Structures are given as C-alpha cells and as structure tokens.
Protein backbone atom coordinates (compact mmCIF):
# COMPACT_ATOMS: atom_id res chain seq x y z
CA UNK A 1 100.16 -106.10 7.11
CA UNK A 2 102.81 -108.62 7.90
CA UNK A 3 101.05 -109.54 11.16
CA UNK A 4 97.77 -110.08 9.29
CA UNK A 5 99.51 -112.38 6.80
CA UNK A 6 101.33 -114.36 9.46
CA UNK A 7 97.98 -114.94 11.29
CA UNK A 8 96.38 -116.15 8.03
CA UNK A 9 99.16 -118.66 7.29
CA UNK A 10 101.05 -121.06 9.51
CA UNK A 11 100.32 -119.12 12.69
CA UNK A 12 96.61 -119.44 12.14
CA UNK A 13 96.96 -123.08 11.59
CA UNK A 14 99.04 -123.39 14.84
CA UNK A 15 96.35 -121.61 16.74
CA UNK A 16 93.80 -123.90 15.36
CA UNK A 17 95.95 -126.89 16.28
CA UNK A 18 96.28 -125.79 19.88
CA UNK A 19 92.54 -125.47 20.28
CA UNK A 20 92.26 -128.77 18.39
CA UNK A 21 94.40 -130.50 21.08
CA UNK A 22 91.96 -129.30 23.79
CA UNK A 23 89.07 -130.48 21.72
CA UNK A 24 90.79 -133.81 21.28
CA UNK A 25 91.01 -134.07 25.06
CA UNK A 26 87.27 -133.43 25.33
CA UNK A 27 86.42 -135.74 22.47
CA UNK A 28 88.50 -138.70 23.65
CA UNK A 29 87.78 -138.14 27.30
CA UNK A 30 84.03 -138.15 26.85
CA UNK A 31 84.15 -141.19 24.49
CA UNK A 32 86.24 -143.18 26.98
CA UNK A 33 83.98 -142.06 29.82
CA UNK A 34 80.92 -143.22 27.97
CA UNK A 35 82.60 -146.48 27.05
CA UNK A 36 83.77 -146.94 30.77
CA UNK A 37 80.34 -146.40 32.10
CA UNK A 38 78.30 -148.14 29.37
CA UNK A 39 80.60 -150.48 27.48
CA UNK A 40 79.32 -151.65 24.06
CA UNK A 41 80.39 -153.34 20.97
CA UNK A 42 77.37 -152.34 19.02
CA UNK A 43 77.85 -150.08 16.00
CA UNK A 44 74.77 -147.88 16.79
CA UNK A 45 75.80 -147.18 20.28
CA UNK A 46 79.41 -146.50 19.29
CA UNK A 47 78.12 -143.93 16.75
CA UNK A 48 75.91 -142.39 19.43
CA UNK A 49 78.89 -142.18 21.94
CA UNK A 50 81.11 -140.86 19.26
CA UNK A 51 78.50 -138.34 18.18
CA UNK A 52 78.06 -137.01 21.80
CA UNK A 53 81.81 -136.71 22.30
CA UNK A 54 82.29 -134.99 19.00
CA UNK A 55 79.49 -132.55 19.44
CA UNK A 56 80.82 -131.43 22.81
CA UNK A 57 84.29 -130.84 21.22
CA UNK A 58 82.75 -128.99 18.24
CA UNK A 59 80.80 -126.60 20.53
CA UNK A 60 84.10 -125.84 22.32
CA UNK A 61 85.84 -125.42 18.99
CA UNK A 62 83.34 -122.89 17.69
CA UNK A 63 83.70 -120.66 20.81
CA UNK A 64 87.51 -120.70 20.79
CA UNK A 65 88.08 -120.52 16.99
CA UNK A 66 85.63 -117.66 16.62
CA UNK A 67 87.23 -115.81 19.62
CA UNK A 68 90.91 -116.42 18.74
CA UNK A 69 91.89 -118.12 15.43
CA UNK A 70 89.40 -116.57 13.10
CA UNK A 71 88.57 -113.49 15.08
CA UNK A 72 89.40 -111.11 12.23
CA UNK A 73 86.66 -112.62 10.09
CA UNK A 74 84.25 -114.09 12.74
CA UNK A 75 81.11 -111.83 12.65
CA UNK A 76 78.78 -113.98 14.72
CA UNK A 77 76.30 -113.79 11.97
CA UNK A 78 73.55 -116.31 11.27
CA UNK A 79 75.35 -117.17 8.06
CA UNK A 80 78.45 -118.14 9.93
CA UNK A 81 76.60 -120.10 12.53
CA UNK A 82 74.66 -122.01 9.95
CA UNK A 83 77.71 -122.72 7.83
CA UNK A 84 79.57 -123.81 10.92
CA UNK A 85 76.82 -126.32 11.70
CA UNK A 86 76.91 -127.59 8.14
CA UNK A 87 80.73 -128.12 8.25
CA UNK A 88 80.33 -129.68 11.76
CA UNK A 89 77.82 -132.19 10.30
CA UNK A 90 80.08 -133.04 7.43
CA UNK A 91 83.03 -133.47 9.73
CA UNK A 92 80.92 -135.66 12.04
CA UNK A 93 80.08 -137.85 9.11
CA UNK A 94 83.84 -138.15 8.32
CA UNK A 95 84.59 -138.77 11.92
CA UNK A 96 81.92 -141.46 12.39
CA UNK A 97 82.63 -143.34 9.10
CA UNK A 98 86.39 -143.38 9.81
CA UNK A 99 85.80 -144.31 13.45
CA UNK A 100 83.64 -147.26 12.48
CA UNK A 101 85.70 -148.30 9.58
CA UNK A 102 88.98 -148.35 11.45
CA UNK A 103 87.38 -149.88 14.54
CA UNK A 104 86.01 -152.83 12.30
CA UNK A 105 89.46 -153.31 10.75
CA UNK A 106 91.10 -153.40 14.13
CA UNK A 107 88.39 -155.76 15.37
CA UNK A 108 89.13 -158.12 12.50
CA UNK A 109 92.84 -157.95 13.34
CA UNK A 110 92.08 -158.95 17.00
CA UNK A 111 93.12 -155.65 18.66
CA UNK A 112 91.74 -155.34 22.16
CA UNK A 113 88.68 -153.11 22.40
CA UNK A 114 90.14 -150.22 24.49
CA UNK A 115 93.16 -149.84 22.24
CA UNK A 116 90.98 -150.40 19.13
CA UNK A 117 88.51 -147.65 20.09
CA UNK A 118 91.24 -145.18 20.87
CA UNK A 119 93.30 -145.82 17.82
CA UNK A 120 90.19 -145.55 15.63
CA UNK A 121 89.20 -142.38 17.47
CA UNK A 122 92.58 -140.78 16.98
CA UNK A 123 92.65 -141.54 13.16
CA UNK A 124 89.12 -140.28 12.87
CA UNK A 125 89.90 -137.11 14.70
CA UNK A 126 92.88 -136.37 12.64
CA UNK A 127 91.05 -136.70 9.37
CA UNK A 128 88.02 -134.74 10.48
CA UNK A 129 90.27 -132.12 11.98
CA UNK A 130 92.12 -131.56 8.72
CA UNK A 131 88.88 -131.44 6.67
CA UNK A 132 87.30 -129.07 9.25
CA UNK A 133 90.15 -126.68 9.17
CA UNK A 134 89.78 -126.11 5.42
CA UNK A 135 85.99 -125.94 5.61
CA UNK A 136 86.08 -123.37 8.43
CA UNK A 137 88.84 -121.29 6.86
CA UNK A 138 87.33 -121.07 3.31
CA UNK A 139 83.62 -121.72 3.94
CA UNK A 140 82.64 -120.48 7.44
CA UNK A 141 84.83 -117.61 8.54
CA UNK A 142 85.07 -115.78 5.31
CA UNK A 143 84.32 -112.16 5.09
CA UNK A 144 81.26 -111.17 3.34
CA UNK A 145 82.19 -109.69 -0.05
CA UNK A 146 79.90 -106.77 0.54
CA UNK A 147 81.64 -106.00 3.83
CA UNK A 148 84.99 -105.88 2.07
CA UNK A 149 83.87 -103.10 -0.25
C-alpha cells in the first residue's frame, strides 16, 4: 500500500518529469533543427515547426508514461487514447499560444532570434508540461469506475 501511495504522489511526478526532460530534448531539438534548415520569422511557419516538434514529443510521452509513470492505470483502451489526444491538443494550444506570445514579447525587446525562440519554447514547454501532467493524471489515466468495483 505504501509503495502504491508513493508512486501516486511525488515519485509519480518525478517519473513524469524525467520522461518530460527526454521529451523536452526531442521538442527543442526538432524545433531548432527545423529553424536551422528552414529559418523563418513568420508566425504561421513558427506554429507549424512548433506543432511538428511538440507532436513528436507527445507521441514519445504517451508511450513512456503509459508504460512507466501511469502503468497502474493505463489500460490502452480507446477511451484513454482519445482522452490523451484531447489533452495533447489542449496542451498544444497552450504551447503554441505561449510560444508565439513570448516570442513576440522578446522580439519587441530586441532579443536575437535564436535566443528568443529557445526562451519562448522553454517557457511554453514548462507551462504545457504542468497543465499536461494534471490532465493526464486526472483525466486520461484514471481507472474506469466499473473496473474498480
């Protein structure tokens, strides 16, 4: 019982955070690769690049969090897959809005583009990471009430 409680508290958040660091590497790496290969200042292309990077990291996140962090409640059901996609879309919206907003703010302050993109991405990732954890924990990987009985 204690082990189960520990996993559901700070230890679970620690596992989610470690997987999040790997996802951050994927997210930032892909974004920077796209910006290096196809530099742009256009908002629509920045959203596209950010969405591609974020989507790859979310796919990785689903696999590892379902296998490790939330394995006690991950059923692999259609409901969980659908709710994961819904939370991913909400988190993507948070990520894109924060990324564009912070990027615009730093642009107005005269911050160089490479630094501006990465600072904006870091802030966007942190906020979407936090919102995603709570949505995944309380919305996606929850046990079906019928299964508990």
